[in-house]
Amino acid sequence: MILFFNQNGIITSLITNNSHKNAFYLIRKFGFHFDEIISRDDLVWKPSPEPIKKILNKRNLEASQAIYFGDSFYDLIAAKNAGIKNIFIRGSKDKFQLPDEYREDKKLFEQVIFFQSYKKIFRKILKMSARRQ
């Protein structure tokens, strides 16, 4: 998916609770490119919305002009608190458990986008990218 974004000129940023060292290792290993990387080394951690807000401010974007991809409950919470749409990627139901304090939070999934196929995700992102130009 990252390669698709790179090939279509879509700005990408990586927000990770991992270290810069590990992030750069994986980026090189898989041949990805990110326009911006924020890691725990920058002293901003998910689930805080601050890493997302930092990137939006730097790129002069409104939350409605971006989509956040995540695979953990920290991502869901960070995206919700930043007011940004979130595409949540997860494996089987057994691998993902929300902590008890978030299970009743009806607003947690308000900005989450669910897709039935990657093709639909790509179309949506290309459409949003075209509006931005």
N, C-alpha and C. Protein backbone atom coordinates (compact mmCIF):
# COMPACT_ATOMS: atom_id res chain seq x y z
N MET A 1 0.83 -1.18 0.00
CA MET A 1 0.00 0.00 0.00
C MET A 1 0.88 1.25 0.00
N ILE A 2 1.96 1.26 0.79
CA ILE A 2 2.85 2.42 0.83
C ILE A 2 3.44 2.66 -0.55
N LEU A 3 3.82 1.60 -1.25
CA LEU A 3 4.38 1.75 -2.59
C LEU A 3 3.36 2.38 -3.54
N PHE A 4 2.09 2.01 -3.39
CA PHE A 4 1.02 2.61 -4.19
C PHE A 4 0.98 4.11 -3.95
N PHE A 5 1.03 4.52 -2.69
CA PHE A 5 1.01 5.95 -2.36
C PHE A 5 2.23 6.64 -2.97
N ASN A 6 3.40 6.05 -2.80
CA ASN A 6 4.63 6.64 -3.34
C ASN A 6 4.55 6.79 -4.86
N GLN A 7 4.06 5.78 -5.54
CA GLN A 7 3.97 5.80 -7.00
C GLN A 7 2.94 6.81 -7.51
N ASN A 8 1.99 7.18 -6.68
CA ASN A 8 0.94 8.11 -7.09
C ASN A 8 1.13 9.51 -6.52
N GLY A 9 2.29 9.78 -5.97
CA GLY A 9 2.61 11.11 -5.48
C GLY A 9 1.83 11.55 -4.26
N ILE A 10 1.35 10.61 -3.48
CA ILE A 10 0.57 10.92 -2.29
C ILE A 10 1.54 11.08 -1.12
N ILE A 11 1.44 12.19 -0.42
CA ILE A 11 2.31 12.47 0.72
C ILE A 11 2.03 11.43 1.81
N THR A 12 3.11 10.85 2.33
CA THR A 12 2.97 9.85 3.39
C THR A 12 3.84 10.24 4.58
N SER A 13 3.32 9.96 5.74
CA SER A 13 4.06 10.18 6.99
C SER A 13 3.94 8.93 7.83
N LEU A 14 4.96 8.67 8.60
CA LEU A 14 4.95 7.52 9.50
C LEU A 14 4.99 8.03 10.93
N ILE A 15 4.03 7.57 11.72
CA ILE A 15 4.02 7.85 13.16
C ILE A 15 4.13 6.49 13.84
N THR A 16 5.20 6.32 14.59
CA THR A 16 5.43 5.03 15.24
C THR A 16 5.88 5.22 16.68
N ASN A 17 5.46 4.30 17.52
CA ASN A 17 5.95 4.29 18.89
C ASN A 17 7.27 3.53 18.97
N ASN A 18 7.77 3.13 17.83
CA ASN A 18 9.07 2.47 17.75
C ASN A 18 10.16 3.54 17.68
N SER A 19 11.41 3.13 17.66
CA SER A 19 12.53 4.08 17.58
C SER A 19 12.80 4.45 16.12
N HIS A 20 13.49 5.59 15.91
CA HIS A 20 13.90 5.97 14.56
C HIS A 20 14.77 4.87 13.95
N LYS A 21 15.67 4.34 14.75
CA LYS A 21 16.59 3.31 14.26
C LYS A 21 15.83 2.12 13.68
N ASN A 22 14.87 1.60 14.43
CA ASN A 22 14.09 0.45 13.94
C ASN A 22 13.20 0.83 12.77
N ALA A 23 12.62 2.02 12.81
CA ALA A 23 11.77 2.47 11.71
C ALA A 23 12.58 2.56 10.42
N PHE A 24 13.76 3.19 10.48
CA PHE A 24 14.58 3.32 9.28
C PHE A 24 15.07 1.97 8.77
N TYR A 25 15.36 1.06 9.67
CA TYR A 25 15.76 -0.28 9.26
C TYR A 25 14.66 -0.93 8.41
N LEU A 26 13.41 -0.89 8.90
CA LEU A 26 12.30 -1.50 8.18
C LEU A 26 11.98 -0.76 6.89
N ILE A 27 12.09 0.55 6.90
CA ILE A 27 11.83 1.34 5.69
C ILE A 27 12.82 0.95 4.60
N ARG A 28 14.09 0.85 4.95
CA ARG A 28 15.11 0.44 3.97
C ARG A 28 14.87 -1.00 3.52
N LYS A 29 14.57 -1.87 4.46
CA LYS A 29 14.37 -3.28 4.14
C LYS A 29 13.26 -3.48 3.11
N PHE A 30 12.16 -2.72 3.25
CA PHE A 30 11.03 -2.90 2.35
C PHE A 30 10.99 -1.89 1.20
N GLY A 31 11.93 -0.96 1.18
CA GLY A 31 12.00 0.00 0.08
C GLY A 31 10.91 1.05 0.11
N PHE A 32 10.42 1.40 1.29
CA PHE A 32 9.38 2.41 1.42
C PHE A 32 9.99 3.81 1.43
N HIS A 33 9.13 4.79 1.22
CA HIS A 33 9.52 6.20 1.35
C HIS A 33 8.42 6.91 2.14
N PHE A 34 8.83 7.68 3.13
CA PHE A 34 7.91 8.53 3.87
C PHE A 34 8.43 9.96 3.83
N ASP A 35 7.52 10.90 3.63
CA ASP A 35 7.91 12.32 3.59
C ASP A 35 8.25 12.84 4.98
N GLU A 36 7.74 12.18 5.98
CA GLU A 36 7.97 12.61 7.37
C GLU A 36 7.88 11.38 8.27
N ILE A 37 8.75 11.34 9.28
CA ILE A 37 8.72 10.24 10.24
C ILE A 37 8.76 10.83 11.65
N ILE A 38 7.81 10.40 12.46
CA ILE A 38 7.79 10.78 13.88
C ILE A 38 7.83 9.49 14.67
N SER A 39 8.79 9.39 15.58
CA SER A 39 8.93 8.18 16.40
C SER A 39 8.95 8.56 17.87
N ARG A 40 9.10 7.56 18.70
CA ARG A 40 9.17 7.82 20.14
C ARG A 40 10.38 8.68 20.48
N ASP A 41 11.38 8.68 19.58
CA ASP A 41 12.56 9.52 19.80
C ASP A 41 12.22 11.01 19.75
N ASP A 42 11.07 11.36 19.15
CA ASP A 42 10.63 12.75 19.08
C ASP A 42 9.83 13.15 20.32
N LEU A 43 9.71 12.23 21.26
CA LEU A 43 9.04 12.46 22.55
C LEU A 43 7.55 12.76 22.42
N VAL A 44 6.93 12.25 21.38
CA VAL A 44 5.47 12.29 21.24
C VAL A 44 5.02 10.85 20.96
N TRP A 45 4.12 10.38 21.78
CA TRP A 45 3.69 8.99 21.73
C TRP A 45 2.21 8.87 21.43
N LYS A 46 1.85 7.86 20.65
CA LYS A 46 0.45 7.49 20.54
C LYS A 46 0.09 6.80 21.84
N PRO A 47 -1.06 6.99 22.40
CA PRO A 47 -2.29 7.46 21.78
C PRO A 47 -2.50 8.97 21.78
N SER A 48 -1.51 9.74 22.15
CA SER A 48 -1.66 11.20 22.06
C SER A 48 -1.92 11.59 20.61
N PRO A 49 -2.80 12.57 20.38
CA PRO A 49 -3.04 13.05 19.01
C PRO A 49 -1.94 13.99 18.52
N GLU A 50 -1.00 14.35 19.39
CA GLU A 50 0.01 15.35 19.04
C GLU A 50 0.86 15.00 17.82
N PRO A 51 1.29 13.73 17.65
CA PRO A 51 2.06 13.44 16.43
C PRO A 51 1.26 13.72 15.15
N ILE A 52 -0.02 13.38 15.17
CA ILE A 52 -0.88 13.62 14.00
C ILE A 52 -1.04 15.12 13.78
N LYS A 53 -1.33 15.85 14.85
CA LYS A 53 -1.52 17.30 14.74
C LYS A 53 -0.24 17.98 14.25
N LYS A 54 0.90 17.49 14.69
CA LYS A 54 2.19 18.04 14.27
C LYS A 54 2.36 17.92 12.76
N ILE A 55 2.04 16.77 12.22
CA ILE A 55 2.16 16.56 10.77
C ILE A 55 1.13 17.41 10.01
N LEU A 56 -0.10 17.44 10.49
CA LEU A 56 -1.13 18.25 9.82
C LEU A 56 -0.71 19.72 9.79
N ASN A 57 -0.21 20.23 10.92
CA ASN A 57 0.24 21.63 10.98
C ASN A 57 1.41 21.88 10.03
N LYS A 58 2.38 20.99 10.03
CA LYS A 58 3.55 21.15 9.18
C LYS A 58 3.17 21.16 7.69
N ARG A 59 2.20 20.32 7.33
CA ARG A 59 1.75 20.22 5.93
C ARG A 59 0.62 21.20 5.60
N ASN A 60 0.23 22.00 6.58
CA ASN A 60 -0.86 22.96 6.40
C ASN A 60 -2.14 22.27 5.92
N LEU A 61 -2.48 21.19 6.60
CA LEU A 61 -3.66 20.40 6.26
C LEU A 61 -4.69 20.45 7.37
N GLU A 62 -5.94 20.38 6.98
CA GLU A 62 -7.03 20.18 7.94
C GLU A 62 -7.18 18.67 8.15
N ALA A 63 -7.73 18.29 9.27
CA ALA A 63 -7.94 16.86 9.54
C ALA A 63 -8.78 16.20 8.45
N SER A 64 -9.71 16.95 7.86
CA SER A 64 -10.58 16.39 6.82
C SER A 64 -9.85 16.11 5.51
N GLN A 65 -8.62 16.60 5.38
CA GLN A 65 -7.85 16.40 4.16
C GLN A 65 -6.86 15.25 4.25
N ALA A 66 -6.92 14.51 5.33
CA ALA A 66 -5.96 13.43 5.53
C ALA A 66 -6.66 12.18 6.02
N ILE A 67 -6.00 11.06 5.85
CA ILE A 67 -6.49 9.78 6.36
C ILE A 67 -5.35 9.14 7.14
N TYR A 68 -5.70 8.57 8.28
CA TYR A 68 -4.73 7.91 9.14
C TYR A 68 -4.94 6.41 9.04
N PHE A 69 -3.87 5.68 8.81
CA PHE A 69 -3.92 4.22 8.81
C PHE A 69 -3.32 3.72 10.11
N GLY A 70 -3.97 2.78 10.75
CA GLY A 70 -3.45 2.25 12.00
C GLY A 70 -3.80 0.80 12.20
N ASP A 71 -3.08 0.16 13.11
CA ASP A 71 -3.32 -1.26 13.37
C ASP A 71 -3.37 -1.59 14.86
N SER A 72 -3.50 -0.56 15.69
CA SER A 72 -3.59 -0.83 17.13
C SER A 72 -4.62 0.09 17.75
N PHE A 73 -5.04 -0.24 18.99
CA PHE A 73 -6.01 0.63 19.64
C PHE A 73 -5.41 2.00 19.92
N TYR A 74 -4.07 2.09 20.07
CA TYR A 74 -3.43 3.40 20.23
C TYR A 74 -3.68 4.27 19.00
N ASP A 75 -3.66 3.64 17.83
CA ASP A 75 -3.93 4.37 16.59
C ASP A 75 -5.37 4.87 16.54
N LEU A 76 -6.30 4.01 16.94
CA LEU A 76 -7.72 4.41 16.97
C LEU A 76 -7.92 5.63 17.87
N ILE A 77 -7.32 5.59 19.04
CA ILE A 77 -7.49 6.67 20.01
C ILE A 77 -6.82 7.95 19.53
N ALA A 78 -5.61 7.83 19.00
CA ALA A 78 -4.89 9.01 18.50
C ALA A 78 -5.67 9.67 17.36
N ALA A 79 -6.17 8.87 16.43
CA ALA A 79 -6.93 9.41 15.30
C ALA A 79 -8.22 10.07 15.77
N LYS A 80 -8.92 9.41 16.68
CA LYS A 80 -10.17 9.98 17.21
C LYS A 80 -9.90 11.33 17.87
N ASN A 81 -8.87 11.39 18.70
CA ASN A 81 -8.59 12.63 19.42
C ASN A 81 -8.02 13.73 18.54
N ALA A 82 -7.50 13.36 17.37
CA ALA A 82 -7.03 14.36 16.41
C ALA A 82 -8.15 14.76 15.44
N GLY A 83 -9.29 14.05 15.50
CA GLY A 83 -10.42 14.36 14.62
C GLY A 83 -10.18 13.97 13.17
N ILE A 84 -9.39 12.95 12.96
CA ILE A 84 -9.02 12.54 11.60
C ILE A 84 -9.66 11.19 11.26
N LYS A 85 -10.02 11.00 10.00
CA LYS A 85 -10.57 9.72 9.57
C LYS A 85 -9.48 8.67 9.69
N ASN A 86 -9.90 7.46 10.03
CA ASN A 86 -8.94 6.39 10.30
C ASN A 86 -9.33 5.15 9.52
N ILE A 87 -8.38 4.60 8.82
CA ILE A 87 -8.56 3.28 8.22
C ILE A 87 -7.84 2.32 9.15
N PHE A 88 -8.61 1.46 9.76
CA PHE A 88 -8.06 0.54 10.75
C PHE A 88 -7.78 -0.79 10.08
N ILE A 89 -6.54 -1.23 10.17
CA ILE A 89 -6.11 -2.48 9.56
C ILE A 89 -5.83 -3.45 10.68
N ARG A 90 -6.47 -4.59 10.63
CA ARG A 90 -6.23 -5.57 11.69
C ARG A 90 -6.31 -6.97 11.14
N GLY A 91 -5.74 -7.88 11.89
CA GLY A 91 -5.80 -9.29 11.53
C GLY A 91 -7.07 -9.90 12.08
N SER A 92 -6.96 -11.07 12.61
CA SER A 92 -8.14 -11.76 13.13
C SER A 92 -8.66 -11.07 14.39
N LYS A 93 -9.91 -11.31 14.70
CA LYS A 93 -10.53 -10.71 15.89
C LYS A 93 -9.79 -11.11 17.16
N ASP A 94 -9.20 -12.27 17.17
CA ASP A 94 -8.51 -12.74 18.38
C ASP A 94 -7.27 -11.91 18.69
N LYS A 95 -6.69 -11.26 17.70
CA LYS A 95 -5.45 -10.52 17.89
C LYS A 95 -5.67 -9.12 18.43
N PHE A 96 -6.88 -8.63 18.38
CA PHE A 96 -7.13 -7.24 18.77
C PHE A 96 -8.16 -7.18 19.88
N GLN A 97 -7.77 -6.59 20.98
CA GLN A 97 -8.68 -6.40 22.11
C GLN A 97 -8.57 -4.96 22.58
N LEU A 98 -9.71 -4.27 22.63
CA LEU A 98 -9.71 -2.93 23.21
C LEU A 98 -9.61 -3.04 24.72
N PRO A 99 -8.83 -2.17 25.34
CA PRO A 99 -8.81 -2.16 26.81
C PRO A 99 -10.21 -1.85 27.34
N ASP A 100 -10.53 -2.35 28.50
CA ASP A 100 -11.87 -2.20 29.10
C ASP A 100 -12.36 -0.76 29.08
N GLU A 101 -11.47 0.21 29.39
CA GLU A 101 -11.93 1.60 29.50
C GLU A 101 -12.39 2.19 28.17
N TYR A 102 -12.13 1.51 27.04
CA TYR A 102 -12.53 2.04 25.74
C TYR A 102 -13.67 1.24 25.09
N ARG A 103 -14.05 0.13 25.68
CA ARG A 103 -15.06 -0.72 25.06
C ARG A 103 -16.42 -0.06 24.92
N GLU A 104 -16.75 0.85 25.81
CA GLU A 104 -18.05 1.52 25.77
C GLU A 104 -17.99 2.86 25.05
N ASP A 105 -16.84 3.22 24.54
CA ASP A 105 -16.66 4.52 23.87
C ASP A 105 -17.25 4.46 22.45
N LYS A 106 -18.49 4.88 22.32
CA LYS A 106 -19.19 4.83 21.03
C LYS A 106 -18.54 5.73 19.98
N LYS A 107 -17.90 6.81 20.42
CA LYS A 107 -17.29 7.75 19.49
C LYS A 107 -15.96 7.26 18.93
N LEU A 108 -15.41 6.22 19.52
CA LEU A 108 -14.10 5.72 19.10
C LEU A 108 -14.11 5.33 17.62
N PHE A 109 -15.23 4.82 17.15
CA PHE A 109 -15.29 4.35 15.77
C PHE A 109 -16.01 5.32 14.83
N GLU A 110 -16.37 6.52 15.31
CA GLU A 110 -17.09 7.48 14.47
C GLU A 110 -16.33 7.85 13.21
N GLN A 111 -15.03 8.07 13.32
CA GLN A 111 -14.23 8.50 12.18
C GLN A 111 -13.49 7.34 11.51
N VAL A 112 -13.83 6.12 11.86
CA VAL A 112 -13.16 4.95 11.28
C VAL A 112 -13.84 4.58 9.98
N ILE A 113 -13.03 4.36 8.96
CA ILE A 113 -13.54 3.97 7.65
C ILE A 113 -13.26 2.48 7.46
N PHE A 114 -14.29 1.74 7.10
CA PHE A 114 -14.13 0.31 6.83
C PHE A 114 -14.32 0.09 5.33
N PHE A 115 -13.44 -0.69 4.76
CA PHE A 115 -13.53 -1.00 3.33
C PHE A 115 -13.57 -2.51 3.14
N GLN A 116 -14.21 -2.92 2.05
CA GLN A 116 -14.27 -4.34 1.75
C GLN A 116 -13.10 -4.78 0.89
N SER A 117 -12.40 -3.83 0.27
CA SER A 117 -11.27 -4.21 -0.57
C SER A 117 -10.25 -3.09 -0.63
N TYR A 118 -9.00 -3.45 -0.92
CA TYR A 118 -7.95 -2.46 -1.08
C TYR A 118 -8.24 -1.56 -2.28
N LYS A 119 -8.86 -2.10 -3.30
CA LYS A 119 -9.19 -1.31 -4.49
C LYS A 119 -10.03 -0.09 -4.11
N LYS A 120 -10.99 -0.26 -3.22
CA LYS A 120 -11.83 0.85 -2.78
C LYS A 120 -11.03 1.86 -1.95
N ILE A 121 -10.10 1.36 -1.14
CA ILE A 121 -9.24 2.27 -0.37
C ILE A 121 -8.44 3.13 -1.33
N PHE A 122 -7.83 2.50 -2.33
CA PHE A 122 -7.01 3.24 -3.29
C PHE A 122 -7.82 4.29 -4.04
N ARG A 123 -9.03 3.93 -4.47
CA ARG A 123 -9.89 4.89 -5.17
C ARG A 123 -10.21 6.09 -4.30
N LYS A 124 -10.55 5.84 -3.04
CA LYS A 124 -10.89 6.91 -2.10
C LYS A 124 -9.69 7.84 -1.89
N ILE A 125 -8.53 7.28 -1.74
CA ILE A 125 -7.34 8.09 -1.50
C ILE A 125 -6.96 8.89 -2.73
N LEU A 126 -7.05 8.30 -3.91
CA LEU A 126 -6.76 9.04 -5.14
C LEU A 126 -7.74 10.19 -5.33
N LYS A 127 -8.99 9.95 -4.98
CA LYS A 127 -10.01 11.01 -5.07
C LYS A 127 -9.68 12.16 -4.12
N MET A 128 -9.30 11.83 -2.89
CA MET A 128 -8.94 12.85 -1.91
C MET A 128 -7.69 13.60 -2.36
N SER A 129 -6.74 12.89 -2.92
CA SER A 129 -5.49 13.50 -3.38
C SER A 129 -5.76 14.48 -4.53
N ALA A 130 -6.65 14.12 -5.42
CA ALA A 130 -7.00 14.98 -6.55
C ALA A 130 -7.65 16.27 -6.06
N ARG A 131 -8.48 16.19 -5.03
CA ARG A 131 -9.13 17.38 -4.47
C ARG A 131 -8.12 18.31 -3.84
N ARG A 132 -7.03 17.77 -3.32
CA ARG A 132 -6.02 18.57 -2.62
C ARG A 132 -5.19 19.39 -3.61
N GLN A 133 -5.01 18.90 -4.84
CA GLN A 133 -4.16 19.57 -5.83
C GLN A 133 -4.82 20.75 -6.50
